[in-house]
Amino acid sequence: MGKNFSDFFLSSECMIRMASGWFYLSCLLLGSLGSMCILFTIYWMQYWRGGFAWNGSIYMFNWHPVLMVAGMVVFYGGASLVYRLPQSWVGPKLPWKLLHAALHLMAFILTVVGLVAVFTFHNHGKIANLYSLHSWLGITAVFLFACQWCLGFAVFLLPWASMWLRSLLKPIHVFFGAAILSLSIASVISGINEKLFFSLKNTTRPYNSLPSEAVFANSTGMLVVAFGLLVLYILLASSWKRPEPGILTDRQPLLHDGE
């Protein structure tokens, strides 16, 4: 009996190590994709759209796509995966909760600055706000993000909430976390499309002739999609989820019982 439990324990430990190995390989790929998403967007705005400024001009608008990709996609996606780190499976959860909240707060700050850039540009140029599907998707994602962060801070970080309330709200929190990322990706993709239509409308090589800028921007959009899909896969992979309390420690008493 003791040998059977020992074999089970070793087999489980081996599975955890294998899951951790694949997880870190996925994180390496994710970090590369996220960096490329941000760098590609910066290069697009710098090389084809004239660079950056903070003066109400079109160059101020160029901060908007960079900051929204960085905040609502890359930082948000990375912050969502904190509890998938194998190191977070053991020991106190508070440091990981603080890291989770801090990374999301950083993502939200970048997002707010990105919104300030686009609204300031629109108001300076007498352009209407919030009329396109892209803007509706984006502002919905930001609103839900704000609600999600406040709810998470109040219920999961502060000590007042009871366990039954946390258990009740946890699936909702997880669902909206994935939903907000999906909305953000949809907003980024529609924003890239919208920007290309506006920018290439009256040029010698319009969008439908697929000039080099369109190819590059479309490729940036595909990188964003790949990044988002990988984040969602890691979130949904059961072998990378934090085990429920007791699962990792319950094996040891079983070994003693077997002896």
C-alpha atoms as a PDB file:
ATOM      1  CA  MET A   1       0.000   0.000   0.000  1.00  0.00           C
ATOM      2  CA  GLY A   2       2.829   2.385   0.952  1.00  0.00           C
ATOM      3  CA  LYS A   3       4.553   1.725  -2.374  1.00  0.00           C
ATOM      4  CA  ASN A   4       1.373   2.530  -4.308  1.00  0.00           C
ATOM      5  CA  PHE A   5       0.952   5.850  -2.537  1.00  0.00           C
ATOM      6  CA  SER A   6       4.636   6.619  -3.048  1.00  0.00           C
ATOM      7  CA  ASP A   7       4.333   5.902  -6.781  1.00  0.00           C
ATOM      8  CA  PHE A   8       1.255   8.112  -6.944  1.00  0.00           C
ATOM      9  CA  PHE A   9       3.096  10.929  -5.177  1.00  0.00           C
ATOM     10  CA  LEU A  10       6.118  10.713  -7.486  1.00  0.00           C
ATOM     11  CA  SER A  11       3.882  10.543 -10.544  1.00  0.00           C
ATOM     12  CA  SER A  12       1.981  13.644  -9.391  1.00  0.00           C
ATOM     13  CA  GLU A  13       5.196  15.537  -8.728  1.00  0.00           C
ATOM     14  CA  CYS A  14       6.456  14.602 -12.192  1.00  0.00           C
ATOM     15  CA  MET A  15       3.227  15.906 -13.754  1.00  0.00           C
ATOM     16  CA  ILE A  16       3.605  19.203 -11.849  1.00  0.00           C
ATOM     17  CA  ARG A  17       7.172  19.597 -13.116  1.00  0.00           C
ATOM     18  CA  MET A  18       6.084  18.873 -16.703  1.00  0.00           C
ATOM     19  CA  ALA A  19       3.211  21.355 -16.420  1.00  0.00           C
ATOM     20  CA  SER A  20       5.599  23.965 -15.005  1.00  0.00           C
ATOM     21  CA  GLY A  21       8.054  23.406 -17.859  1.00  0.00           C
ATOM     22  CA  TRP A  22       5.390  23.912 -20.529  1.00  0.00           C
ATOM     23  CA  PHE A  23       4.056  26.897 -18.606  1.00  0.00           C
ATOM     24  CA  TYR A  24       7.404  28.707 -18.636  1.00  0.00           C
ATOM     25  CA  LEU A  25       7.895  27.945 -22.328  1.00  0.00           C
ATOM     26  CA  SER A  26       4.459  29.434 -22.972  1.00  0.00           C
ATOM     27  CA  CYS A  27       5.382  32.470 -20.849  1.00  0.00           C
ATOM     28  CA  LEU A  28       8.554  32.960 -22.896  1.00  0.00           C
ATOM     29  CA  LEU A  29       6.494  32.900 -26.090  1.00  0.00           C
ATOM     30  CA  LEU A  30       3.920  35.185 -24.485  1.00  0.00           C
ATOM     31  CA  GLY A  31       6.561  37.708 -23.447  1.00  0.00           C
ATOM     32  CA  SER A  32       7.983  37.733 -26.960  1.00  0.00           C
ATOM     33  CA  LEU A  33       4.540  38.231 -28.524  1.00  0.00           C
ATOM     34  CA  GLY A  34       3.630  40.974 -26.052  1.00  0.00           C
ATOM     35  CA  SER A  35       6.867  42.860 -26.657  1.00  0.00           C
ATOM     36  CA  MET A  36       6.370  42.583 -30.409  1.00  0.00           C
ATOM     37  CA  CYS A  37       2.799  43.899 -30.130  1.00  0.00           C
ATOM     38  CA  ILE A  38       4.006  47.049 -28.368  1.00  0.00           C
ATOM     39  CA  LEU A  39       7.128  47.546 -30.507  1.00  0.00           C
ATOM     40  CA  PHE A  40       5.247  47.007 -33.772  1.00  0.00           C
ATOM     41  CA  THR A  41       2.617  49.569 -32.751  1.00  0.00           C
ATOM     42  CA  ILE A  42       5.308  52.094 -31.781  1.00  0.00           C
ATOM     43  CA  TYR A  43       7.116  51.536 -35.094  1.00  0.00           C
ATOM     44  CA  TRP A  44       3.873  51.944 -37.066  1.00  0.00           C
ATOM     45  CA  MET A  45       3.092  55.270 -35.385  1.00  0.00           C
ATOM     46  CA  GLN A  46       6.689  56.503 -35.634  1.00  0.00           C
ATOM     47  CA  TYR A  47       7.555  55.427 -39.185  1.00  0.00           C
ATOM     48  CA  TRP A  48       4.250  55.885 -41.049  1.00  0.00           C
ATOM     49  CA  ARG A  49       2.278  58.313 -38.864  1.00  0.00           C
ATOM     50  CA  GLY A  50       4.968  60.863 -37.983  1.00  0.00           C
ATOM     51  CA  GLY A  51       5.815  60.107 -34.362  1.00  0.00           C
ATOM     52  CA  PHE A  52       4.528  61.392 -31.037  1.00  0.00           C
ATOM     53  CA  ALA A  53       3.674  64.653 -29.285  1.00  0.00           C
ATOM     54  CA  TRP A  54       1.392  65.892 -26.497  1.00  0.00           C
ATOM     55  CA  ASN A  55      -0.133  69.024 -28.007  1.00  0.00           C
ATOM     56  CA  GLY A  56      -3.591  68.066 -29.257  1.00  0.00           C
ATOM     57  CA  SER A  57      -2.343  67.288 -32.774  1.00  0.00           C
ATOM     58  CA  ILE A  58      -2.543  64.060 -34.742  1.00  0.00           C
ATOM     59  CA  TYR A  59       0.804  63.164 -33.205  1.00  0.00           C
ATOM     60  CA  MET A  60      -0.855  63.169 -29.799  1.00  0.00           C
ATOM     61  CA  PHE A  61      -3.390  60.670 -31.130  1.00  0.00           C
ATOM     62  CA  ASN A  62      -0.504  58.338 -31.965  1.00  0.00           C
ATOM     63  CA  TRP A  63      -0.089  57.665 -28.246  1.00  0.00           C
ATOM     64  CA  HIS A  64      -3.570  56.157 -28.165  1.00  0.00           C
ATOM     65  CA  PRO A  65      -2.936  52.877 -30.034  1.00  0.00           C
ATOM     66  CA  VAL A  66       0.419  52.348 -28.297  1.00  0.00           C
ATOM     67  CA  LEU A  67      -0.950  52.851 -24.788  1.00  0.00           C
ATOM     68  CA  MET A  68      -4.128  50.858 -25.392  1.00  0.00           C
ATOM     69  CA  VAL A  69      -2.209  47.882 -26.787  1.00  0.00           C
ATOM     70  CA  ALA A  70       0.260  48.095 -23.893  1.00  0.00           C
ATOM     71  CA  GLY A  71      -2.386  48.601 -21.198  1.00  0.00           C
ATOM     72  CA  MET A  72      -5.555  46.774 -22.220  1.00  0.00           C
ATOM     73  CA  VAL A  73      -3.851  43.851 -23.964  1.00  0.00           C
ATOM     74  CA  VAL A  74      -0.242  43.194 -22.923  1.00  0.00           C
ATOM     75  CA  PHE A  75      -0.138  44.374 -19.281  1.00  0.00           C
ATOM     76  CA  TYR A  76      -3.709  43.251 -18.687  1.00  0.00           C
ATOM     77  CA  GLY A  77      -3.015  39.812 -20.142  1.00  0.00           C
ATOM     78  CA  GLY A  78       0.188  39.420 -18.140  1.00  0.00           C
ATOM     79  CA  ALA A  79      -1.506  40.503 -14.906  1.00  0.00           C
ATOM     80  CA  SER A  80      -4.255  37.933 -15.471  1.00  0.00           C
ATOM     81  CA  LEU A  81      -1.717  35.100 -15.371  1.00  0.00           C
ATOM     82  CA  VAL A  82      -0.167  35.838 -11.966  1.00  0.00           C
ATOM     83  CA  TYR A  83      -2.052  32.981 -10.303  1.00  0.00           C
ATOM     84  CA  ARG A  84      -0.831  30.565 -12.984  1.00  0.00           C
ATOM     85  CA  LEU A  85       2.772  30.898 -11.780  1.00  0.00           C
ATOM     86  CA  PRO A  86       3.719  27.633 -10.009  1.00  0.00           C
ATOM     87  CA  GLN A  87       5.373  29.669  -7.238  1.00  0.00           C
ATOM     88  CA  SER A  88       1.933  31.054  -6.362  1.00  0.00           C
ATOM     89  CA  TRP A  89       0.561  27.570  -5.681  1.00  0.00           C
ATOM     90  CA  VAL A  90       2.160  27.332  -2.229  1.00  0.00           C
ATOM     91  CA  GLY A  91       2.525  29.734   0.651  1.00  0.00           C
ATOM     92  CA  PRO A  92       0.460  32.848   1.413  1.00  0.00           C
ATOM     93  CA  LYS A  93      -1.655  34.317  -1.379  1.00  0.00           C
ATOM     94  CA  LEU A  94      -1.406  37.959  -0.238  1.00  0.00           C
ATOM     95  CA  PRO A  95       1.870  38.798  -2.107  1.00  0.00           C
ATOM     96  CA  TRP A  96       0.374  37.373  -5.306  1.00  0.00           C
ATOM     97  CA  LYS A  97      -2.870  39.277  -4.765  1.00  0.00           C
ATOM     98  CA  LEU A  98      -0.877  42.495  -4.382  1.00  0.00           C
ATOM     99  CA  LEU A  99       1.126  41.757  -7.549  1.00  0.00           C
ATOM    100  CA  HIS A 100      -2.080  40.885  -9.447  1.00  0.00           C
ATOM    101  CA  ALA A 101      -3.738  44.137  -8.337  1.00  0.00           C
ATOM    102  CA  ALA A 102      -0.631  46.292  -8.947  1.00  0.00           C
ATOM    103  CA  LEU A 103      -0.098  45.019 -12.515  1.00  0.00           C
ATOM    104  CA  HIS A 104      -3.760  45.564 -13.329  1.00  0.00           C
ATOM    105  CA  LEU A 105      -3.575  49.065 -11.847  1.00  0.00           C
ATOM    106  CA  MET A 106      -0.554  49.796 -14.050  1.00  0.00           C
ATOM    107  CA  ALA A 107      -2.507  48.536 -17.056  1.00  0.00           C
ATOM    108  CA  PHE A 108      -5.442  50.768 -16.109  1.00  0.00           C
ATOM    109  CA  ILE A 109      -3.220  53.856 -15.743  1.00  0.00           C
ATOM    110  CA  LEU A 110      -1.759  53.288 -19.216  1.00  0.00           C
ATOM    111  CA  THR A 111      -5.300  52.859 -20.537  1.00  0.00           C
ATOM    112  CA  VAL A 112      -6.525  56.116 -18.977  1.00  0.00           C
ATOM    113  CA  VAL A 113      -3.579  58.052 -20.458  1.00  0.00           C
ATOM    114  CA  GLY A 114      -4.381  56.472 -23.832  1.00  0.00           C
ATOM    115  CA  LEU A 115      -7.986  57.656 -23.543  1.00  0.00           C
ATOM    116  CA  VAL A 116      -6.851  61.154 -22.575  1.00  0.00           C
ATOM    117  CA  ALA A 117      -4.717  61.253 -25.729  1.00  0.00           C
ATOM    118  CA  VAL A 118      -7.568  60.357 -28.089  1.00  0.00           C
ATOM    119  CA  PHE A 119     -10.234  62.523 -26.406  1.00  0.00           C
ATOM    120  CA  THR A 120      -7.882  65.528 -26.311  1.00  0.00           C
ATOM    121  CA  PHE A 121      -7.082  65.087 -29.999  1.00  0.00           C
ATOM    122  CA  HIS A 122     -10.757  64.760 -30.921  1.00  0.00           C
ATOM    123  CA  ASN A 123     -11.797  67.788 -28.861  1.00  0.00           C
ATOM    124  CA  HIS A 124      -8.916  69.874 -30.237  1.00  0.00           C
ATOM    125  CA  GLY A 125      -9.875  69.002 -33.807  1.00  0.00           C
ATOM    126  CA  LYS A 126     -13.663  69.271 -33.267  1.00  0.00           C
ATOM    127  CA  ILE A 127     -14.082  65.553 -33.994  1.00  0.00           C
ATOM    128  CA  ALA A 128     -17.013  63.651 -32.499  1.00  0.00           C
ATOM    129  CA  ASN A 129     -16.322  61.176 -29.704  1.00  0.00           C
ATOM    130  CA  LEU A 130     -17.694  57.674 -29.170  1.00  0.00           C
ATOM    131  CA  TYR A 131     -19.596  57.247 -32.434  1.00  0.00           C
ATOM    132  CA  SER A 132     -17.886  54.174 -33.926  1.00  0.00           C
ATOM    133  CA  LEU A 133     -18.179  50.492 -33.045  1.00  0.00           C
ATOM    134  CA  HIS A 134     -14.481  50.564 -32.165  1.00  0.00           C
ATOM    135  CA  SER A 135     -15.041  53.275 -29.565  1.00  0.00           C
ATOM    136  CA  TRP A 136     -18.098  51.475 -28.128  1.00  0.00           C
ATOM    137  CA  LEU A 137     -16.140  48.258 -27.720  1.00  0.00           C
ATOM    138  CA  GLY A 138     -13.196  50.094 -26.206  1.00  0.00           C
ATOM    139  CA  ILE A 139     -15.135  52.191 -23.707  1.00  0.00           C
ATOM    140  CA  THR A 140     -17.162  49.122 -22.672  1.00  0.00           C
ATOM    141  CA  ALA A 141     -13.948  47.207 -22.023  1.00  0.00           C
ATOM    142  CA  VAL A 142     -12.501  50.093 -19.985  1.00  0.00           C
ATOM    143  CA  PHE A 143     -15.704  50.503 -17.944  1.00  0.00           C
ATOM    144  CA  LEU A 144     -15.818  46.789 -17.155  1.00  0.00           C
ATOM    145  CA  PHE A 145     -12.099  46.866 -16.327  1.00  0.00           C
ATOM    146  CA  ALA A 146     -12.678  49.656 -13.788  1.00  0.00           C
ATOM    147  CA  CYS A 147     -15.582  47.764 -12.203  1.00  0.00           C
ATOM    148  CA  GLN A 148     -13.581  44.536 -12.188  1.00  0.00           C
ATOM    149  CA  TRP A 149     -10.593  46.121 -10.471  1.00  0.00           C
ATOM    150  CA  CYS A 150     -12.702  47.858  -7.810  1.00  0.00           C
ATOM    151  CA  LEU A 151     -14.666  44.667  -7.125  1.00  0.00           C
ATOM    152  CA  GLY A 152     -11.492  42.591  -6.941  1.00  0.00           C
ATOM    153  CA  PHE A 153      -9.832  45.080  -4.603  1.00  0.00           C
ATOM    154  CA  ALA A 154     -12.859  45.287  -2.302  1.00  0.00           C
ATOM    155  CA  VAL A 155     -13.699  41.574  -2.165  1.00  0.00           C
ATOM    156  CA  PHE A 156     -10.479  39.640  -2.750  1.00  0.00           C
ATOM    157  CA  LEU A 157      -7.763  41.963  -1.422  1.00  0.00           C
ATOM    158  CA  LEU A 158      -9.372  43.607   1.591  1.00  0.00           C
ATOM    159  CA  PRO A 159      -9.887  41.208   4.520  1.00  0.00           C
ATOM    160  CA  TRP A 160     -13.542  41.990   5.303  1.00  0.00           C
ATOM    161  CA  ALA A 161     -15.200  39.660   2.754  1.00  0.00           C
ATOM    162  CA  SER A 162     -16.294  36.208   3.926  1.00  0.00           C
ATOM    163  CA  MET A 163     -15.171  33.001   2.209  1.00  0.00           C
ATOM    164  CA  TRP A 164     -18.673  32.249   0.899  1.00  0.00           C
ATOM    165  CA  LEU A 165     -18.820  35.694  -0.769  1.00  0.00           C
ATOM    166  CA  ARG A 166     -15.421  35.190  -2.355  1.00  0.00           C
ATOM    167  CA  SER A 167     -16.417  31.711  -3.528  1.00  0.00           C
ATOM    168  CA  LEU A 168     -19.617  33.148  -4.990  1.00  0.00           C
ATOM    169  CA  LEU A 169     -17.888  35.975  -6.863  1.00  0.00           C
ATOM    170  CA  LYS A 170     -14.730  34.155  -7.978  1.00  0.00           C
ATOM    171  CA  PRO A 171     -16.265  32.512 -11.114  1.00  0.00           C
ATOM    172  CA  ILE A 172     -17.792  35.871 -12.079  1.00  0.00           C
ATOM    173  CA  HIS A 173     -14.444  37.603 -11.556  1.00  0.00           C
ATOM    174  CA  VAL A 174     -12.671  34.994 -13.699  1.00  0.00           C
ATOM    175  CA  PHE A 175     -15.308  35.171 -16.456  1.00  0.00           C
ATOM    176  CA  PHE A 176     -15.195  38.955 -16.736  1.00  0.00           C
ATOM    177  CA  GLY A 177     -11.408  38.863 -16.693  1.00  0.00           C
ATOM    178  CA  ALA A 178     -11.416  36.786 -19.873  1.00  0.00           C
ATOM    179  CA  ALA A 179     -14.340  38.761 -21.336  1.00  0.00           C
ATOM    180  CA  ILE A 180     -12.555  42.104 -20.859  1.00  0.00           C
ATOM    181  CA  LEU A 181      -9.438  40.776 -22.602  1.00  0.00           C
ATOM    182  CA  SER A 182     -11.588  39.515 -25.493  1.00  0.00           C
ATOM    183  CA  LEU A 183     -13.333  42.892 -25.783  1.00  0.00           C
ATOM    184  CA  SER A 184      -9.965  44.643 -25.706  1.00  0.00           C
ATOM    185  CA  ILE A 185      -8.646  42.515 -28.546  1.00  0.00           C
ATOM    186  CA  ALA A 186     -11.796  43.164 -30.594  1.00  0.00           C
ATOM    187  CA  SER A 187     -11.413  46.887 -29.930  1.00  0.00           C
ATOM    188  CA  VAL A 188      -7.743  46.896 -30.964  1.00  0.00           C
ATOM    189  CA  ILE A 189      -8.464  44.999 -34.176  1.00  0.00           C
ATOM    190  CA  SER A 190     -11.350  47.284 -35.124  1.00  0.00           C
ATOM    191  CA  GLY A 191      -9.197  50.302 -34.203  1.00  0.00           C
ATOM    192  CA  ILE A 192      -6.377  49.191 -36.489  1.00  0.00           C
ATOM    193  CA  ASN A 193      -8.877  48.715 -39.302  1.00  0.00           C
ATOM    194  CA  GLU A 194     -10.475  52.105 -38.657  1.00  0.00           C
ATOM    195  CA  LYS A 195      -7.114  53.888 -38.540  1.00  0.00           C
ATOM    196  CA  LEU A 196      -6.043  52.347 -41.849  1.00  0.00           C
ATOM    197  CA  PHE A 197      -9.315  53.275 -43.559  1.00  0.00           C
ATOM    198  CA  PHE A 198      -9.010  56.895 -42.417  1.00  0.00           C
ATOM    199  CA  SER A 199      -5.272  57.257 -43.069  1.00  0.00           C
ATOM    200  CA  LEU A 200      -5.161  55.565 -46.480  1.00  0.00           C
ATOM    201  CA  LYS A 201      -8.478  56.886 -47.823  1.00  0.00           C
ATOM    202  CA  ASN A 202      -7.114  59.661 -50.073  1.00  0.00           C
ATOM    203  CA  THR A 203      -3.634  58.344 -50.803  1.00  0.00           C
ATOM    204  CA  THR A 204      -2.134  57.127 -54.071  1.00  0.00           C
ATOM    205  CA  ARG A 205      -2.155  53.577 -52.656  1.00  0.00           C
ATOM    206  CA  PRO A 206      -5.440  53.042 -50.780  1.00  0.00           C
ATOM    207  CA  TYR A 207      -6.056  50.319 -48.245  1.00  0.00           C
ATOM    208  CA  ASN A 208      -7.487  47.858 -50.763  1.00  0.00           C
ATOM    209  CA  SER A 209      -4.220  47.934 -52.747  1.00  0.00           C
ATOM    210  CA  LEU A 210      -2.453  46.682 -49.587  1.00  0.00           C
ATOM    211  CA  PRO A 211       0.459  49.137 -49.286  1.00  0.00           C
ATOM    212  CA  SER A 212       3.337  48.360 -46.953  1.00  0.00           C
ATOM    213  CA  GLU A 213       1.733  50.245 -44.047  1.00  0.00           C
ATOM    214  CA  ALA A 214      -1.419  48.137 -44.339  1.00  0.00           C
ATOM    215  CA  VAL A 215       0.585  44.909 -44.401  1.00  0.00           C
ATOM    216  CA  PHE A 216       2.535  45.982 -41.325  1.00  0.00           C
ATOM    217  CA  ALA A 217      -0.537  47.154 -39.394  1.00  0.00           C
ATOM    218  CA  ASN A 218      -2.491  44.010 -40.301  1.00  0.00           C
ATOM    219  CA  SER A 219       0.461  41.943 -39.085  1.00  0.00           C
ATOM    220  CA  THR A 220       0.431  43.896 -35.815  1.00  0.00           C
ATOM    221  CA  GLY A 221      -3.230  43.015 -35.438  1.00  0.00           C
ATOM    222  CA  MET A 222      -2.477  39.338 -35.975  1.00  0.00           C
ATOM    223  CA  LEU A 223       0.203  39.510 -33.268  1.00  0.00           C
ATOM    224  CA  VAL A 224      -2.373  40.980 -30.875  1.00  0.00           C
ATOM    225  CA  VAL A 225      -4.782  38.146 -31.693  1.00  0.00           C
ATOM    226  CA  ALA A 226      -2.055  35.527 -31.166  1.00  0.00           C
ATOM    227  CA  PHE A 227      -1.095  37.090 -27.833  1.00  0.00           C
ATOM    228  CA  GLY A 228      -4.702  37.157 -26.651  1.00  0.00           C
ATOM    229  CA  LEU A 229      -5.406  33.578 -27.683  1.00  0.00           C
ATOM    230  CA  LEU A 230      -2.306  32.350 -25.853  1.00  0.00           C
ATOM    231  CA  VAL A 231      -3.334  34.222 -22.692  1.00  0.00           C
ATOM    232  CA  LEU A 232      -6.823  32.697 -22.863  1.00  0.00           C
ATOM    233  CA  TYR A 233      -5.358  29.236 -23.425  1.00  0.00           C
ATOM    234  CA  ILE A 234      -3.107  29.536 -20.368  1.00  0.00           C
ATOM    235  CA  LEU A 235      -6.051  30.808 -18.302  1.00  0.00           C
ATOM    236  CA  LEU A 236      -8.219  27.860 -19.358  1.00  0.00           C
ATOM    237  CA  ALA A 237      -5.581  25.092 -19.144  1.00  0.00           C
ATOM    238  CA  SER A 238      -6.605  23.100 -16.068  1.00  0.00           C
ATOM    239  CA  SER A 239      -3.070  21.796 -15.379  1.00  0.00           C
ATOM    240  CA  TRP A 240      -1.862  25.388 -14.878  1.00  0.00           C
ATOM    241  CA  LYS A 241      -4.592  26.533 -12.514  1.00  0.00           C
ATOM    242  CA  ARG A 242      -3.736  27.123  -8.858  1.00  0.00           C
ATOM    243  CA  PRO A 243      -4.791  23.979  -6.961  1.00  0.00           C
ATOM    244  CA  GLU A 244      -7.558  24.369  -4.432  1.00  0.00           C
ATOM    245  CA  PRO A 245      -6.390  24.598  -0.796  1.00  0.00           C
ATOM    246  CA  GLY A 246      -5.366  21.205   0.549  1.00  0.00           C
ATOM    247  CA  ILE A 247      -4.710  19.418  -2.744  1.00  0.00           C
ATOM    248  CA  LEU A 248      -0.940  19.810  -2.583  1.00  0.00           C
ATOM    249  CA  THR A 249      -0.718  19.014   1.128  1.00  0.00           C
ATOM    250  CA  ASP A 250      -3.259  16.174   1.314  1.00  0.00           C
ATOM    251  CA  ARG A 251      -0.863  13.706  -0.298  1.00  0.00           C
ATOM    252  CA  GLN A 252       1.537  13.678   2.623  1.00  0.00           C
ATOM    253  CA  PRO A 253      -0.969  12.299   5.209  1.00  0.00           C
ATOM    254  CA  LEU A 254      -1.941   9.638   2.684  1.00  0.00           C
ATOM    255  CA  LEU A 255       1.680   8.503   2.550  1.00  0.00           C
ATOM    256  CA  HIS A 256       1.801   8.262   6.329  1.00  0.00           C
ATOM    257  CA  ASP A 257      -1.462   6.329   6.395  1.00  0.00           C
ATOM    258  CA  GLY A 258      -0.013   3.925   3.856  1.00  0.00           C
ATOM    259  CA  GLU A 259       2.986   3.307   6.098  1.00  0.00           C
END
